[in-house]
C-alpha atoms as a PDB file:
ATOM      1  CA  MET A   1     144.230  65.688 117.669  1.00  0.00           C
ATOM      2  CA  ASP A   2     141.494  63.602 117.952  1.00  0.00           C
ATOM      3  CA  LEU A   3     137.899  63.790 118.615  1.00  0.00           C
ATOM      4  CA  ARG A   4     138.361  62.178 122.048  1.00  0.00           C
ATOM      5  CA  GLN A   5     141.197  64.256 122.761  1.00  0.00           C
ATOM      6  CA  MET A   6     138.995  67.527 121.799  1.00  0.00           C
ATOM      7  CA  LEU A   7     136.151  66.577 124.221  1.00  0.00           C
ATOM      8  CA  PRO A   8     137.307  68.563 127.322  1.00  0.00           C
ATOM      9  CA  ILE A   9     137.664  71.610 125.758  1.00  0.00           C
ATOM     10  CA  LEU A  10     134.606  71.364 123.609  1.00  0.00           C
ATOM     11  CA  GLY A  11     133.246  70.753 127.399  1.00  0.00           C
ATOM     12  CA  VAL A  12     134.504  73.600 128.537  1.00  0.00           C
ATOM     13  CA  LEU A  13     133.122  75.796 125.687  1.00  0.00           C
ATOM     14  CA  ALA A  14     129.667  74.350 126.256  1.00  0.00           C
ATOM     15  CA  MET A  15     129.647  76.154 129.453  1.00  0.00           C
ATOM     16  CA  ILE A  16     131.017  80.020 128.307  1.00  0.00           C
ATOM     17  CA  THR A  17     128.320  82.267 127.995  1.00  0.00           C
ATOM     18  CA  LEU A  18     127.322  86.048 127.501  1.00  0.00           C
ATOM     19  CA  PRO A  19     127.659  88.262 130.163  1.00  0.00           C
ATOM     20  CA  PRO A  20     124.069  89.257 131.637  1.00  0.00           C
ATOM     21  CA  ASP A  21     124.797  92.784 129.883  1.00  0.00           C
ATOM     22  CA  ARG A  22     124.642  91.630 126.564  1.00  0.00           C
ATOM     23  CA  CYS A  23     122.315  89.153 126.601  1.00  0.00           C
ATOM     24  CA  ALA A  24     118.883  90.499 125.824  1.00  0.00           C
ATOM     25  CA  GLY A  25     115.609  88.462 125.389  1.00  0.00           C
ATOM     26  CA  PRO A  26     113.887  85.289 126.480  1.00  0.00           C
ATOM     27  CA  PRO A  27     115.605  81.679 126.040  1.00  0.00           C
ATOM     28  CA  VAL A  28     114.009  79.575 122.898  1.00  0.00           C
ATOM     29  CA  GLU A  29     110.540  77.836 124.218  1.00  0.00           C
ATOM     30  CA  GLN A  30     111.246  74.003 124.674  1.00  0.00           C
ATOM     31  CA  GLY A  31     108.462  71.853 122.883  1.00  0.00           C
ATOM     32  CA  ALA A  32     107.092  72.458 119.427  1.00  0.00           C
ATOM     33  CA  THR A  33     103.871  71.188 120.802  1.00  0.00           C
ATOM     34  CA  ASP A  34     103.318  74.568 122.567  1.00  0.00           C
ATOM     35  CA  GLN A  35     100.130  76.032 121.615  1.00  0.00           C
ATOM     36  CA  TYR A  36     101.731  79.763 121.456  1.00  0.00           C
ATOM     37  CA  THR A  37     104.819  78.064 119.920  1.00  0.00           C
ATOM     38  CA  GLN A  38     102.483  77.362 117.235  1.00  0.00           C
ATOM     39  CA  ALA A  39     100.313  80.176 117.405  1.00  0.00           C
ATOM     40  CA  ARG A  40     103.506  82.517 117.381  1.00  0.00           C
ATOM     41  CA  ALA A  41     105.333  80.734 114.242  1.00  0.00           C
ATOM     42  CA  ARG A  42     101.754  81.134 112.159  1.00  0.00           C
ATOM     43  CA  MET A  43     101.963  84.572 112.899  1.00  0.00           C
ATOM     44  CA  VAL A  44     105.379  85.300 111.584  1.00  0.00           C
ATOM     45  CA  ARG A  45     104.648  83.245 108.268  1.00  0.00           C
ATOM     46  CA  GLU A  46     101.328  84.386 107.421  1.00  0.00           C
ATOM     47  CA  GLN A  47     101.246  87.816 108.984  1.00  0.00           C
ATOM     48  CA  ILE A  48     104.114  89.266 108.632  1.00  0.00           C
ATOM     49  CA  ALA A  49     106.678  87.191 106.383  1.00  0.00           C
ATOM     50  CA  SER A  50     104.404  86.862 103.591  1.00  0.00           C
ATOM     51  CA  ARG A  51     103.950  90.255 103.315  1.00  0.00           C
ATOM     52  CA  ASP A  52     106.774  92.891 102.841  1.00  0.00           C
ATOM     53  CA  VAL A  53     108.733  92.347 105.943  1.00  0.00           C
ATOM     54  CA  THR A  54     111.931  90.330 104.929  1.00  0.00           C
ATOM     55  CA  ASP A  55     114.816  91.536 107.412  1.00  0.00           C
ATOM     56  CA  PRO A  56     115.769  87.826 108.927  1.00  0.00           C
ATOM     57  CA  ARG A  57     116.701  89.446 112.075  1.00  0.00           C
ATOM     58  CA  VAL A  58     113.311  90.830 112.548  1.00  0.00           C
ATOM     59  CA  LEU A  59     111.741  87.970 111.392  1.00  0.00           C
ATOM     60  CA  GLU A  60     113.946  85.734 113.924  1.00  0.00           C
ATOM     61  CA  ALA A  61     113.114  88.876 116.728  1.00  0.00           C
ATOM     62  CA  ILE A  62     109.413  88.957 116.365  1.00  0.00           C
ATOM     63  CA  GLY A  63     109.478  84.979 116.375  1.00  0.00           C
ATOM     64  CA  ARG A  64     110.817  84.930 119.756  1.00  0.00           C
ATOM     65  CA  VAL A  65     108.685  87.443 121.441  1.00  0.00           C
ATOM     66  CA  PRO A  66     105.751  85.866 123.488  1.00  0.00           C
ATOM     67  CA  ARG A  67     103.344  88.025 122.840  1.00  0.00           C
ATOM     68  CA  HIS A  68     100.319  86.314 124.772  1.00  0.00           C
ATOM     69  CA  LEU A  69     102.498  87.677 128.319  1.00  0.00           C
ATOM     70  CA  PHE A  70     102.010  91.476 126.719  1.00  0.00           C
ATOM     71  CA  VAL A  71      98.435  91.855 126.628  1.00  0.00           C
ATOM     72  CA  PRO A  72      95.741  91.520 129.370  1.00  0.00           C
ATOM     73  CA  GLN A  73      94.504  88.230 130.353  1.00  0.00           C
ATOM     74  CA  ASP A  74      90.973  88.427 128.947  1.00  0.00           C
ATOM     75  CA  GLU A  75      92.994  89.183 125.268  1.00  0.00           C
ATOM     76  CA  VAL A  76      95.207  86.613 125.300  1.00  0.00           C
ATOM     77  CA  ARG A  77      93.071  84.384 123.164  1.00  0.00           C
ATOM     78  CA  TYR A  78      94.122  86.864 120.394  1.00  0.00           C
ATOM     79  CA  ALA A  79      97.417  87.692 121.325  1.00  0.00           C
ATOM     80  CA  TYR A  80      98.721  86.496 118.015  1.00  0.00           C
ATOM     81  CA  GLU A  81      95.861  87.958 115.647  1.00  0.00           C
ATOM     82  CA  ASP A  82      97.322  90.534 113.510  1.00  0.00           C
ATOM     83  CA  ARG A  83      95.311  93.482 115.115  1.00  0.00           C
ATOM     84  CA  PRO A  84      96.047  95.854 118.319  1.00  0.00           C
ATOM     85  CA  LEU A  85      95.080  94.734 121.439  1.00  0.00           C
ATOM     86  CA  PRO A  86      93.770  97.395 124.468  1.00  0.00           C
ATOM     87  CA  ILE A  87      96.152  96.954 127.522  1.00  0.00           C
ATOM     88  CA  GLY A  88      94.690  99.943 129.555  1.00  0.00           C
ATOM     89  CA  TYR A  89      95.004 103.548 129.888  1.00  0.00           C
ATOM     90  CA  GLY A  90      93.403 103.969 126.995  1.00  0.00           C
ATOM     91  CA  GLN A  91      96.486 102.493 125.239  1.00  0.00           C
ATOM     92  CA  THR A  92      96.695  99.676 122.855  1.00  0.00           C
ATOM     93  CA  ILE A  93      99.245  97.311 122.036  1.00  0.00           C
ATOM     94  CA  SER A  94     100.267  97.424 118.546  1.00  0.00           C
ATOM     95  CA  GLN A  95      99.415  94.647 115.657  1.00  0.00           C
ATOM     96  CA  PRO A  96     102.555  92.768 115.105  1.00  0.00           C
ATOM     97  CA  TYR A  97     102.525  93.373 111.174  1.00  0.00           C
ATOM     98  CA  ILE A  98     103.205  96.838 112.585  1.00  0.00           C
ATOM     99  CA  VAL A  99     105.554  96.287 115.327  1.00  0.00           C
ATOM    100  CA  ALA A 100     107.748  94.215 112.582  1.00  0.00           C
ATOM    101  CA  LEU A 101     107.168  96.626 110.049  1.00  0.00           C
ATOM    102  CA  MET A 102     108.636  99.770 111.939  1.00  0.00           C
ATOM    103  CA  THR A 103     111.500  97.556 113.116  1.00  0.00           C
ATOM    104  CA  GLN A 104     112.563  96.894 109.916  1.00  0.00           C
ATOM    105  CA  LEU A 105     112.603 100.730 108.355  1.00  0.00           C
ATOM    106  CA  ALA A 106     114.407 101.310 111.774  1.00  0.00           C
ATOM    107  CA  ARG A 107     117.202  99.331 110.355  1.00  0.00           C
ATOM    108  CA  PRO A 108     118.790  98.764 113.991  1.00  0.00           C
ATOM    109  CA  ALA A 109     122.149  97.310 113.984  1.00  0.00           C
ATOM    110  CA  PRO A 110     123.965  95.375 116.762  1.00  0.00           C
ATOM    111  CA  THR A 111     125.664  98.524 117.964  1.00  0.00           C
ATOM    112  CA  ASP A 112     123.122 100.663 117.459  1.00  0.00           C
ATOM    113  CA  ARG A 113     121.647 102.618 121.188  1.00  0.00           C
ATOM    114  CA  ALA A 114     118.166 103.149 120.677  1.00  0.00           C
ATOM    115  CA  LEU A 115     115.432 105.522 121.854  1.00  0.00           C
ATOM    116  CA  GLU A 116     111.408 104.508 122.135  1.00  0.00           C
ATOM    117  CA  VAL A 117     108.908 106.882 123.268  1.00  0.00           C
ATOM    118  CA  GLY A 118     105.524 105.061 124.075  1.00  0.00           C
ATOM    119  CA  THR A 119     106.330 101.550 126.006  1.00  0.00           C
ATOM    120  CA  GLY A 120     103.160 100.823 126.672  1.00  0.00           C
ATOM    121  CA  SER A 121     102.852  96.969 127.093  1.00  0.00           C
ATOM    122  CA  GLY A 122     106.790  96.993 126.127  1.00  0.00           C
ATOM    123  CA  TYR A 123     105.927  94.644 123.263  1.00  0.00           C
ATOM    124  CA  GLN A 124     107.914  97.080 120.804  1.00  0.00           C
ATOM    125  CA  ALA A 125     110.656  96.854 123.433  1.00  0.00           C
ATOM    126  CA  ALA A 126     111.026  93.283 123.609  1.00  0.00           C
ATOM    127  CA  VAL A 127     111.007  92.665 119.852  1.00  0.00           C
ATOM    128  CA  LEU A 128     113.709  95.590 119.357  1.00  0.00           C
ATOM    129  CA  ALA A 129     115.766  94.866 122.286  1.00  0.00           C
ATOM    130  CA  PRO A 130     117.700  92.005 120.751  1.00  0.00           C
ATOM    131  CA  LEU A 131     118.699  93.944 117.643  1.00  0.00           C
ATOM    132  CA  VAL A 132     120.274  96.575 119.508  1.00  0.00           C
ATOM    133  CA  ARG A 133     123.036  97.014 122.239  1.00  0.00           C
ATOM    134  CA  ARG A 134     120.730  99.373 124.809  1.00  0.00           C
ATOM    135  CA  LEU A 135     117.648 100.618 124.277  1.00  0.00           C
ATOM    136  CA  PHE A 136     115.570 103.307 126.413  1.00  0.00           C
ATOM    137  CA  THR A 137     112.052 103.211 126.462  1.00  0.00           C
ATOM    138  CA  ILE A 138     109.817 106.585 128.034  1.00  0.00           C
ATOM    139  CA  GLU A 139     105.964 105.601 128.987  1.00  0.00           C
ATOM    140  CA  LEU A 140     103.920 108.976 130.064  1.00  0.00           C
ATOM    141  CA  GLU A 141     101.412 106.391 132.168  1.00  0.00           C
ATOM    142  CA  GLU A 142     103.227 105.423 135.283  1.00  0.00           C
ATOM    143  CA  PRO A 143     101.141 101.934 135.652  1.00  0.00           C
ATOM    144  CA  LEU A 144     102.328 101.024 132.117  1.00  0.00           C
ATOM    145  CA  ALA A 145     105.786 101.650 132.232  1.00  0.00           C
ATOM    146  CA  ARG A 146     106.499  99.914 136.088  1.00  0.00           C
ATOM    147  CA  GLN A 147     104.319  96.877 134.575  1.00  0.00           C
ATOM    148  CA  ALA A 148     106.611  96.964 131.433  1.00  0.00           C
ATOM    149  CA  GLU A 149     109.638  97.200 132.898  1.00  0.00           C
ATOM    150  CA  GLU A 150     108.733  94.349 135.236  1.00  0.00           C
ATOM    151  CA  ARG A 151     107.732  91.801 132.546  1.00  0.00           C
ATOM    152  CA  LEU A 152     110.804  92.850 130.381  1.00  0.00           C
ATOM    153  CA  ARG A 153     113.194  92.355 133.469  1.00  0.00           C
ATOM    154  CA  THR A 154     111.316  88.881 133.714  1.00  0.00           C
ATOM    155  CA  LEU A 155     112.082  87.835 130.475  1.00  0.00           C
ATOM    156  CA  GLY A 156     115.686  88.479 130.424  1.00  0.00           C
ATOM    157  CA  TYR A 157     115.952  91.630 128.326  1.00  0.00           C
ATOM    158  CA  ALA A 158     118.985  93.299 130.329  1.00  0.00           C
ATOM    159  CA  ASN A 159     119.748  95.907 127.701  1.00  0.00           C
ATOM    160  CA  VAL A 160     116.257  97.834 128.469  1.00  0.00           C
ATOM    161  CA  THR A 161     115.818 100.383 130.691  1.00  0.00           C
ATOM    162  CA  VAL A 162     112.238 102.133 131.310  1.00  0.00           C
ATOM    163  CA  ARG A 163     111.233 105.304 132.244  1.00  0.00           C
ATOM    164  CA  HIS A 164     108.205 106.989 133.193  1.00  0.00           C
ATOM    165  CA  GLY A 165     107.733 110.115 132.090  1.00  0.00           C
ATOM    166  CA  ASP A 166     107.192 112.543 129.113  1.00  0.00           C
ATOM    167  CA  GLY A 167     108.875 111.633 126.097  1.00  0.00           C
ATOM    168  CA  TYR A 168     108.388 115.064 124.390  1.00  0.00           C
ATOM    169  CA  ALA A 169     112.063 115.811 124.821  1.00  0.00           C
ATOM    170  CA  GLY A 170     113.651 112.215 124.432  1.00  0.00           C
ATOM    171  CA  TRP A 171     116.406 111.192 126.890  1.00  0.00           C
ATOM    172  CA  PRO A 172     119.034 114.141 126.678  1.00  0.00           C
ATOM    173  CA  GLU A 173     121.631 112.508 129.446  1.00  0.00           C
ATOM    174  CA  GLU A 174     121.258 109.379 127.825  1.00  0.00           C
ATOM    175  CA  ALA A 175     121.567 110.737 124.021  1.00  0.00           C
ATOM    176  CA  PRO A 176     123.110 110.680 120.922  1.00  0.00           C
ATOM    177  CA  PHE A 177     120.906 107.594 119.799  1.00  0.00           C
ATOM    178  CA  ASP A 178     121.112 105.879 116.826  1.00  0.00           C
ATOM    179  CA  VAL A 179     117.690 104.374 116.481  1.00  0.00           C
ATOM    180  CA  ILE A 180     114.327 106.760 117.627  1.00  0.00           C
ATOM    181  CA  LEU A 181     110.724 105.020 117.518  1.00  0.00           C
ATOM    182  CA  VAL A 182     107.978 106.743 118.271  1.00  0.00           C
ATOM    183  CA  THR A 183     105.106 104.415 119.385  1.00  0.00           C
ATOM    184  CA  ALA A 184     102.968 106.857 120.632  1.00  0.00           C
ATOM    185  CA  ALA A 185     101.413 109.727 118.240  1.00  0.00           C
ATOM    186  CA  PRO A 186     102.353 113.105 119.376  1.00  0.00           C
ATOM    187  CA  GLU A 187     101.541 116.056 117.307  1.00  0.00           C
ATOM    188  CA  GLU A 188     105.022 116.528 116.844  1.00  0.00           C
ATOM    189  CA  VAL A 189     108.434 115.262 117.847  1.00  0.00           C
ATOM    190  CA  THR A 190     110.879 117.572 119.268  1.00  0.00           C
ATOM    191  CA  ARG A 191     114.481 117.736 117.356  1.00  0.00           C
ATOM    192  CA  ASN A 192     116.143 117.246 120.492  1.00  0.00           C
ATOM    193  CA  ALA A 193     115.958 113.889 120.983  1.00  0.00           C
ATOM    194  CA  ARG A 194     117.647 113.231 117.349  1.00  0.00           C
ATOM    195  CA  VAL A 195     121.207 114.420 117.839  1.00  0.00           C
ATOM    196  CA  ALA A 196     122.995 111.317 116.252  1.00  0.00           C
ATOM    197  CA  PRO A 197     124.482 111.936 112.656  1.00  0.00           C
ATOM    198  CA  GLY A 198     122.087 109.537 110.519  1.00  0.00           C
ATOM    199  CA  ALA A 199     119.870 108.790 113.351  1.00  0.00           C
ATOM    200  CA  ARG A 200     116.892 106.587 112.155  1.00  0.00           C
ATOM    201  CA  ASP A 201     113.418 107.088 113.702  1.00  0.00           C
ATOM    202  CA  GLY A 202     109.800 105.889 112.825  1.00  0.00           C
ATOM    203  CA  VAL A 203     107.350 109.181 114.087  1.00  0.00           C
ATOM    204  CA  PRO A 204     103.719 108.141 113.964  1.00  0.00           C
ATOM    205  CA  THR A 205     101.093 111.100 112.805  1.00  0.00           C
ATOM    206  CA  VAL A 206      98.484 111.962 115.215  1.00  0.00           C
ATOM    207  CA  GLY A 207      94.692 110.711 114.456  1.00  0.00           C
ATOM    208  CA  GLU A 208      95.754 107.952 111.324  1.00  0.00           C
ATOM    209  CA  PRO A 209      95.725 104.550 112.117  1.00  0.00           C
ATOM    210  CA  ALA A 210      99.020 102.589 112.161  1.00  0.00           C
ATOM    211  CA  SER A 211      98.512 100.668 108.845  1.00  0.00           C
ATOM    212  CA  ARG A 212      98.233 103.686 107.206  1.00  0.00           C
ATOM    213  CA  ARG A 213     100.966 106.001 109.347  1.00  0.00           C
ATOM    214  CA  ALA A 214     103.536 102.818 108.033  1.00  0.00           C
ATOM    215  CA  GLY A 215     102.195 102.942 104.119  1.00  0.00           C
ATOM    216  CA  VAL A 216     100.048  99.803 104.631  1.00  0.00           C
ATOM    217  CA  PRO A 217      97.307  99.710 101.513  1.00  0.00           C
ATOM    218  CA  PRO A 218      93.809 100.275 102.913  1.00  0.00           C
ATOM    219  CA  SER A 219      93.185  96.288 101.383  1.00  0.00           C
ATOM    220  CA  GLU A 220      95.417  95.229 103.872  1.00  0.00           C
ATOM    221  CA  ARG A 221      94.420  97.301 107.031  1.00  0.00           C
ATOM    222  CA  SER A 222      92.952  95.388 110.027  1.00  0.00           C
ATOM    223  CA  GLN A 223      89.435  96.404 111.163  1.00  0.00           C
ATOM    224  CA  ASP A 224      90.430  96.391 114.507  1.00  0.00           C
ATOM    225  CA  ASP A 225      93.539  98.731 113.274  1.00  0.00           C
ATOM    226  CA  LYS A 226      90.581 101.010 112.413  1.00  0.00           C
ATOM    227  CA  ARG A 227      89.156 100.830 115.547  1.00  0.00           C
ATOM    228  CA  HIS A 228      92.122 101.644 117.449  1.00  0.00           C
ATOM    229  CA  PRO A 229      93.433 104.818 116.133  1.00  0.00           C
ATOM    230  CA  VAL A 230      96.318 105.372 118.717  1.00  0.00           C
ATOM    231  CA  ASP A 231      98.568 102.546 119.080  1.00  0.00           C
END
């Protein structure tokens, strides 16, 4: 079969798309001159890939997430700097490096079911969602939960389910989970959430900046990280 005979077949294949429940995340942005696209590429290159985050899947995932859409309007100009930012209700969005590092340490796989405790703005969920099959995320503050749910739905993260509630007991009716990320800072985490054999988790310690909890050397911690001890 020559190329001319194959063209109709190729045309049909080009129209095939993944079903909605298999799609996760925003489409690749068009136009390399977009200011946020450039800022995001620089963030990944200079703040994340140049350090100890090496997983290509994680780097690609965080490089696709429009962080400026996860912060308040008056913080947008700082969206791609390596620091946490306030999102209201006494909470912050974690600095990009910490989000990437925690995601890499969790070693997410395409077949995983993941639980996140502490949705916040939804940024960590947006980074993790394309790397797993399903993601369930819980947020204590109802306004943040509703905002994150709407934001993630608008951006096309079809495999994420957001719940408003206390994540201390996990999400028993959806267990077991292969990956658990705790992006809040509880004094202790119930073992009820960790029911899958070999589950991987990332659990911070109360009162410590995110960089110290993740093992970042003192010389590499940002000043803002010291001012935002709970992210």
